[in-house]
Amino acid sequence: MFKVIPKGINRLDIEMSGKLNAEDMKIALDELVSKSKNIENGKMLYEVIDFHLPSLGAIRIEFSRLPEM
């Protein structure tokens, strides 16, 4: 699970738990990009509940999106 929750005008809270596969990672990054679009000099709070390493496919998706991040 990967949730992005806007908190105010310049902060996002991110909750992560479980293992992300390639499709989950694509959805999560799309949500992160969408919700952070108009934020400059913002802040993020990460809450890692039960973290497992993402699948290789998910890591590949994440690295392919690094320039956009």
PDB file of N, CA and C in Angstrom:
ATOM      1  N   MET A   1       0.836  -1.167   0.000  1.00  0.00           N
ATOM      2  CA  MET A   1       0.000   0.000   0.000  1.00  0.00           C
ATOM      3  C   MET A   1       0.887   1.239   0.000  1.00  0.00           C
ATOM      4  N   PHE A   2       0.485   2.225  -0.727  1.00  0.00           N
ATOM      5  CA  PHE A   2       1.199   3.493  -0.822  1.00  0.00           C
ATOM      6  C   PHE A   2       0.134   4.572  -0.921  1.00  0.00           C
ATOM      7  N   LYS A   3       0.008   5.390   0.113  1.00  0.00           N
ATOM      8  CA  LYS A   3      -0.992   6.450   0.115  1.00  0.00           C
ATOM      9  C   LYS A   3      -0.299   7.797   0.206  1.00  0.00           C
ATOM     10  N   VAL A   4      -0.790   8.759  -0.574  1.00  0.00           N
ATOM     11  CA  VAL A   4      -0.283  10.128  -0.548  1.00  0.00           C
ATOM     12  C   VAL A   4      -1.427  11.020  -0.061  1.00  0.00           C
ATOM     13  N   ILE A   5      -1.190  11.698   1.066  1.00  0.00           N
ATOM     14  CA  ILE A   5      -2.233  12.498   1.689  1.00  0.00           C
ATOM     15  C   ILE A   5      -1.758  13.949   1.788  1.00  0.00           C
ATOM     16  N   PRO A   6      -2.406  14.875   1.059  1.00  0.00           N
ATOM     17  CA  PRO A   6      -2.034  16.295   1.173  1.00  0.00           C
ATOM     18  C   PRO A   6      -2.351  16.820   2.576  1.00  0.00           C
ATOM     19  N   LYS A   7      -1.411  17.554   3.149  1.00  0.00           N
ATOM     20  CA  LYS A   7      -1.582  18.186   4.465  1.00  0.00           C
ATOM     21  C   LYS A   7      -1.166  19.641   4.324  1.00  0.00           C
ATOM     22  N   GLY A   8      -2.099  20.516   4.152  1.00  0.00           N
ATOM     23  CA  GLY A   8      -1.786  21.924   3.966  1.00  0.00           C
ATOM     24  C   GLY A   8      -1.351  22.207   2.544  1.00  0.00           C
ATOM     25  N   ILE A   9      -0.786  23.400   2.345  1.00  0.00           N
ATOM     26  CA  ILE A   9      -0.445  23.825   0.981  1.00  0.00           C
ATOM     27  C   ILE A   9       0.936  23.355   0.529  1.00  0.00           C
ATOM     28  N   ASN A  10       1.804  22.912   1.463  1.00  0.00           N
ATOM     29  CA  ASN A  10       3.153  22.538   1.039  1.00  0.00           C
ATOM     30  C   ASN A  10       3.652  21.251   1.684  1.00  0.00           C
ATOM     31  N   ARG A  11       2.740  20.369   2.078  1.00  0.00           N
ATOM     32  CA  ARG A  11       3.175  19.129   2.718  1.00  0.00           C
ATOM     33  C   ARG A  11       2.348  17.952   2.230  1.00  0.00           C
ATOM     34  N   LEU A  12       3.044  16.833   2.035  1.00  0.00           N
ATOM     35  CA  LEU A  12       2.404  15.567   1.721  1.00  0.00           C
ATOM     36  C   LEU A  12       2.818  14.543   2.768  1.00  0.00           C
ATOM     37  N   ASP A  13       1.859  13.776   3.251  1.00  0.00           N
ATOM     38  CA  ASP A  13       2.154  12.636   4.112  1.00  0.00           C
ATOM     39  C   ASP A  13       2.064  11.390   3.246  1.00  0.00           C
ATOM     40  N   ILE A  14       3.047  10.517   3.403  1.00  0.00           N
ATOM     41  CA  ILE A  14       3.095   9.302   2.606  1.00  0.00           C
ATOM     42  C   ILE A  14       3.109   8.110   3.549  1.00  0.00           C
ATOM     43  N   GLU A  15       2.176   7.187   3.340  1.00  0.00           N
ATOM     44  CA  GLU A  15       2.115   5.961   4.131  1.00  0.00           C
ATOM     45  C   GLU A  15       2.482   4.789   3.232  1.00  0.00           C
ATOM     46  N   MET A  16       3.408   3.966   3.709  1.00  0.00           N
ATOM     47  CA  MET A  16       3.835   2.791   2.943  1.00  0.00           C
ATOM     48  C   MET A  16       3.717   1.558   3.822  1.00  0.00           C
ATOM     49  N   SER A  17       3.222   0.482   3.222  1.00  0.00           N
ATOM     50  CA  SER A  17       3.210  -0.799   3.918  1.00  0.00           C
ATOM     51  C   SER A  17       3.141  -1.908   2.878  1.00  0.00           C
ATOM     52  N   GLY A  18       3.638  -3.052   3.256  1.00  0.00           N
ATOM     53  CA  GLY A  18       3.607  -4.197   2.361  1.00  0.00           C
ATOM     54  C   GLY A  18       4.635  -4.103   1.247  1.00  0.00           C
ATOM     55  N   LYS A  19       4.454  -4.936   0.239  1.00  0.00           N
ATOM     56  CA  LYS A  19       5.384  -4.998  -0.892  1.00  0.00           C
ATOM     57  C   LYS A  19       4.718  -4.415  -2.134  1.00  0.00           C
ATOM     58  N   LEU A  20       5.452  -3.563  -2.847  1.00  0.00           N
ATOM     59  CA  LEU A  20       4.934  -2.981  -4.087  1.00  0.00           C
ATOM     60  C   LEU A  20       5.431  -3.773  -5.289  1.00  0.00           C
ATOM     61  N   ASN A  21       4.518  -4.093  -6.211  1.00  0.00           N
ATOM     62  CA  ASN A  21       4.939  -4.673  -7.483  1.00  0.00           C
ATOM     63  C   ASN A  21       4.980  -3.551  -8.524  1.00  0.00           C
ATOM     64  N   ALA A  22       5.281  -3.887  -9.758  1.00  0.00           N
ATOM     65  CA  ALA A  22       5.460  -2.866 -10.801  1.00  0.00           C
ATOM     66  C   ALA A  22       4.201  -2.029 -10.998  1.00  0.00           C
ATOM     67  N   GLU A  23       3.039  -2.654 -11.039  1.00  0.00           N
ATOM     68  CA  GLU A  23       1.791  -1.905 -11.254  1.00  0.00           C
ATOM     69  C   GLU A  23       1.484  -0.996 -10.067  1.00  0.00           C
ATOM     70  N   ASP A  24       1.690  -1.511  -8.849  1.00  0.00           N
ATOM     71  CA  ASP A  24       1.486  -0.685  -7.649  1.00  0.00           C
ATOM     72  C   ASP A  24       2.412   0.527  -7.661  1.00  0.00           C
ATOM     73  N   MET A  25       3.674   0.327  -8.063  1.00  0.00           N
ATOM     74  CA  MET A  25       4.650   1.415  -8.082  1.00  0.00           C
ATOM     75  C   MET A  25       4.238   2.476  -9.097  1.00  0.00           C
ATOM     76  N   LYS A  26       3.767   2.045 -10.266  1.00  0.00           N
ATOM     77  CA  LYS A  26       3.330   3.002 -11.277  1.00  0.00           C
ATOM     78  C   LYS A  26       2.184   3.859 -10.748  1.00  0.00           C
ATOM     79  N   ILE A  27       1.208   3.232 -10.113  1.00  0.00           N
ATOM     80  CA  ILE A  27       0.068   3.952  -9.549  1.00  0.00           C
ATOM     81  C   ILE A  27       0.525   4.904  -8.449  1.00  0.00           C
ATOM     82  N   ALA A  28       1.412   4.427  -7.575  1.00  0.00           N
ATOM     83  CA  ALA A  28       1.905   5.245  -6.459  1.00  0.00           C
ATOM     84  C   ALA A  28       2.656   6.477  -6.960  1.00  0.00           C
ATOM     85  N   LEU A  29       3.529   6.295  -7.951  1.00  0.00           N
ATOM     86  CA  LEU A  29       4.292   7.430  -8.470  1.00  0.00           C
ATOM     87  C   LEU A  29       3.401   8.404  -9.222  1.00  0.00           C
ATOM     88  N   ASP A  30       2.403   7.887  -9.943  1.00  0.00           N
ATOM     89  CA  ASP A  30       1.440   8.779 -10.607  1.00  0.00           C
ATOM     90  C   ASP A  30       0.721   9.641  -9.577  1.00  0.00           C
ATOM     91  N   GLU A  31       0.319   9.025  -8.472  1.00  0.00           N
ATOM     92  CA  GLU A  31      -0.372   9.762  -7.415  1.00  0.00           C
ATOM     93  C   GLU A  31       0.553  10.795  -6.776  1.00  0.00           C
ATOM     94  N   LEU A  32       1.806  10.412  -6.530  1.00  0.00           N
ATOM     95  CA  LEU A  32       2.761  11.340  -5.929  1.00  0.00           C
ATOM     96  C   LEU A  32       3.010  12.539  -6.835  1.00  0.00           C
ATOM     97  N   VAL A  33       3.209  12.301  -8.119  1.00  0.00           N
ATOM     98  CA  VAL A  33       3.440  13.389  -9.076  1.00  0.00           C
ATOM     99  C   VAL A  33       2.208  14.289  -9.157  1.00  0.00           C
ATOM    100  N   SER A  34       1.038  13.697  -9.230  1.00  0.00           N
ATOM    101  CA  SER A  34      -0.198  14.463  -9.341  1.00  0.00           C
ATOM    102  C   SER A  34      -0.423  15.355  -8.124  1.00  0.00           C
ATOM    103  N   LYS A  35      -0.248  14.802  -6.943  1.00  0.00           N
ATOM    104  CA  LYS A  35      -0.545  15.556  -5.725  1.00  0.00           C
ATOM    105  C   LYS A  35       0.558  16.534  -5.335  1.00  0.00           C
ATOM    106  N   SER A  36       1.732  16.414  -5.931  1.00  0.00           N
ATOM    107  CA  SER A  36       2.825  17.340  -5.610  1.00  0.00           C
ATOM    108  C   SER A  36       3.062  18.364  -6.717  1.00  0.00           C
ATOM    109  N   LYS A  37       2.233  18.361  -7.729  1.00  0.00           N
ATOM    110  CA  LYS A  37       2.426  19.185  -8.917  1.00  0.00           C
ATOM    111  C   LYS A  37       2.658  20.668  -8.600  1.00  0.00           C
ATOM    112  N   ASN A  38       1.888  21.256  -7.718  1.00  0.00           N
ATOM    113  CA  ASN A  38       1.975  22.694  -7.465  1.00  0.00           C
ATOM    114  C   ASN A  38       2.728  23.038  -6.182  1.00  0.00           C
ATOM    115  N   ILE A  39       3.451  22.090  -5.633  1.00  0.00           N
ATOM    116  CA  ILE A  39       4.182  22.334  -4.388  1.00  0.00           C
ATOM    117  C   ILE A  39       5.629  22.697  -4.719  1.00  0.00           C
ATOM    118  N   GLU A  40       6.109  23.779  -4.120  1.00  0.00           N
ATOM    119  CA  GLU A  40       7.515  24.166  -4.226  1.00  0.00           C
ATOM    120  C   GLU A  40       8.070  24.296  -2.819  1.00  0.00           C
ATOM    121  N   ASN A  41       9.297  23.831  -2.624  1.00  0.00           N
ATOM    122  CA  ASN A  41       9.938  23.866  -1.305  1.00  0.00           C
ATOM    123  C   ASN A  41       9.048  23.229  -0.250  1.00  0.00           C
ATOM    124  N   GLY A  42       8.429  22.120  -0.619  1.00  0.00           N
ATOM    125  CA  GLY A  42       7.504  21.441   0.273  1.00  0.00           C
ATOM    126  C   GLY A  42       8.192  20.468   1.215  1.00  0.00           C
ATOM    127  N   LYS A  43       7.376  19.801   1.991  1.00  0.00           N
ATOM    128  CA  LYS A  43       7.841  18.834   2.971  1.00  0.00           C
ATOM    129  C   LYS A  43       7.065  17.542   2.788  1.00  0.00           C
ATOM    130  N   MET A  44       7.715  16.420   3.151  1.00  0.00           N
ATOM    131  CA  MET A  44       7.060  15.121   3.123  1.00  0.00           C
ATOM    132  C   MET A  44       7.305  14.424   4.449  1.00  0.00           C
ATOM    133  N   LEU A  45       6.276  13.765   4.927  1.00  0.00           N
ATOM    134  CA  LEU A  45       6.388  12.925   6.104  1.00  0.00           C
ATOM    135  C   LEU A  45       6.103  11.499   5.656  1.00  0.00           C
ATOM    136  N   TYR A  46       7.076  10.613   5.847  1.00  0.00           N
ATOM    137  CA  TYR A  46       6.920   9.212   5.480  1.00  0.00           C
ATOM    138  C   TYR A  46       6.577   8.401   6.719  1.00  0.00           C
ATOM    139  N   GLU A  47       5.557   7.574   6.613  1.00  0.00           N
ATOM    140  CA  GLU A  47       5.243   6.630   7.670  1.00  0.00           C
ATOM    141  C   GLU A  47       5.359   5.234   7.070  1.00  0.00           C
ATOM    142  N   VAL A  48       6.359   4.496   7.526  1.00  0.00           N
ATOM    143  CA  VAL A  48       6.596   3.146   7.033  1.00  0.00           C
ATOM    144  C   VAL A  48       6.036   2.186   8.072  1.00  0.00           C
ATOM    145  N   ILE A  49       4.964   1.500   7.704  1.00  0.00           N
ATOM    146  CA  ILE A  49       4.245   0.654   8.655  1.00  0.00           C
ATOM    147  C   ILE A  49       4.818  -0.759   8.664  1.00  0.00           C
ATOM    148  N   ASP A  50       4.877  -1.403   7.535  1.00  0.00           N
ATOM    149  CA  ASP A  50       5.384  -2.772   7.420  1.00  0.00           C
ATOM    150  C   ASP A  50       6.036  -2.881   6.057  1.00  0.00           C
ATOM    151  N   PHE A  51       7.306  -2.522   5.982  1.00  0.00           N
ATOM    152  CA  PHE A  51       7.969  -2.368   4.690  1.00  0.00           C
ATOM    153  C   PHE A  51       8.643  -3.657   4.237  1.00  0.00           C
ATOM    154  N   HIS A  52       8.458  -3.968   2.971  1.00  0.00           N
ATOM    155  CA  HIS A  52       9.161  -5.055   2.288  1.00  0.00           C
ATOM    156  C   HIS A  52       9.795  -4.446   1.052  1.00  0.00           C
ATOM    157  N   LEU A  53      10.920  -4.968   0.637  1.00  0.00           N
ATOM    158  CA  LEU A  53      11.547  -4.456  -0.583  1.00  0.00           C
ATOM    159  C   LEU A  53      10.600  -4.603  -1.758  1.00  0.00           C
ATOM    160  N   PRO A  54      10.532  -3.591  -2.619  1.00  0.00           N
ATOM    161  CA  PRO A  54       9.682  -3.691  -3.810  1.00  0.00           C
ATOM    162  C   PRO A  54      10.212  -4.771  -4.755  1.00  0.00           C
ATOM    163  N   SER A  55       9.349  -5.253  -5.628  1.00  0.00           N
ATOM    164  CA  SER A  55       9.777  -6.230  -6.629  1.00  0.00           C
ATOM    165  C   SER A  55      10.746  -5.557  -7.601  1.00  0.00           C
ATOM    166  N   LEU A  56      11.486  -6.370  -8.353  1.00  0.00           N
ATOM    167  CA  LEU A  56      12.426  -5.820  -9.336  1.00  0.00           C
ATOM    168  C   LEU A  56      11.702  -4.971 -10.376  1.00  0.00           C
ATOM    169  N   GLY A  57      10.512  -5.390 -10.764  1.00  0.00           N
ATOM    170  CA  GLY A  57       9.725  -4.608 -11.717  1.00  0.00           C
ATOM    171  C   GLY A  57       9.366  -3.248 -11.160  1.00  0.00           C
ATOM    172  N   ALA A  58       9.033  -3.205  -9.869  1.00  0.00           N
ATOM    173  CA  ALA A  58       8.693  -1.930  -9.228  1.00  0.00           C
ATOM    174  C   ALA A  58       9.910  -1.020  -9.160  1.00  0.00           C
ATOM    175  N   ILE A  59      11.061  -1.573  -8.863  1.00  0.00           N
ATOM    176  CA  ILE A  59      12.291  -0.778  -8.816  1.00  0.00           C
ATOM    177  C   ILE A  59      12.613  -0.222 -10.195  1.00  0.00           C
ATOM    178  N   ARG A  60      12.415  -1.027 -11.227  1.00  0.00           N
ATOM    179  CA  ARG A  60      12.657  -0.579 -12.600  1.00  0.00           C
ATOM    180  C   ARG A  60      11.730   0.596 -12.942  1.00  0.00           C
ATOM    181  N   ILE A  61      10.463   0.503 -12.560  1.00  0.00           N
ATOM    182  CA  ILE A  61       9.512   1.603 -12.804  1.00  0.00           C
ATOM    183  C   ILE A  61       9.973   2.859 -12.072  1.00  0.00           C
ATOM    184  N   GLU A  62      10.394   2.697 -10.819  1.00  0.00           N
ATOM    185  CA  GLU A  62      10.824   3.853 -10.030  1.00  0.00           C
ATOM    186  C   GLU A  62      12.037   4.536 -10.667  1.00  0.00           C
ATOM    187  N   PHE A  63      13.030   3.754 -11.065  1.00  0.00           N
ATOM    188  CA  PHE A  63      14.223   4.343 -11.689  1.00  0.00           C
ATOM    189  C   PHE A  63      13.881   5.017 -13.018  1.00  0.00           C
ATOM    190  N   SER A  64      12.945   4.476 -13.764  1.00  0.00           N
ATOM    191  CA  SER A  64      12.584   5.095 -15.043  1.00  0.00           C
ATOM    192  C   SER A  64      11.894   6.433 -14.843  1.00  0.00           C
ATOM    193  N   ARG A  65      11.324   6.662 -13.664  1.00  0.00           N
ATOM    194  CA  ARG A  65      10.598   7.895 -13.386  1.00  0.00           C
ATOM    195  C   ARG A  65      11.445   8.919 -12.612  1.00  0.00           C
ATOM    196  N   LEU A  66      12.685   8.602 -12.275  1.00  0.00           N
ATOM    197  CA  LEU A  66      13.524   9.492 -11.485  1.00  0.00           C
ATOM    198  C   LEU A  66      13.643  10.901 -12.070  1.00  0.00           C
ATOM    199  N   PRO A  67      13.851  11.066 -13.382  1.00  0.00           N
ATOM    200  CA  PRO A  67      13.946  12.438 -13.904  1.00  0.00           C
ATOM    201  C   PRO A  67      12.698  13.263 -13.627  1.00  0.00           C
ATOM    202  N   GLU A  68      11.542  12.631 -13.624  1.00  0.00           N
ATOM    203  CA  GLU A  68      10.279  13.326 -13.377  1.00  0.00           C
ATOM    204  C   GLU A  68      10.142  13.706 -11.901  1.00  0.00           C
ATOM    205  N   MET A  69      10.740  12.926 -11.037  1.00  0.00           N
ATOM    206  CA  MET A  69      10.634  13.169  -9.603  1.00  0.00           C
ATOM    207  C   MET A  69      11.448  14.377  -9.248  1.00  0.00           C
TER     208      MET A  69
END
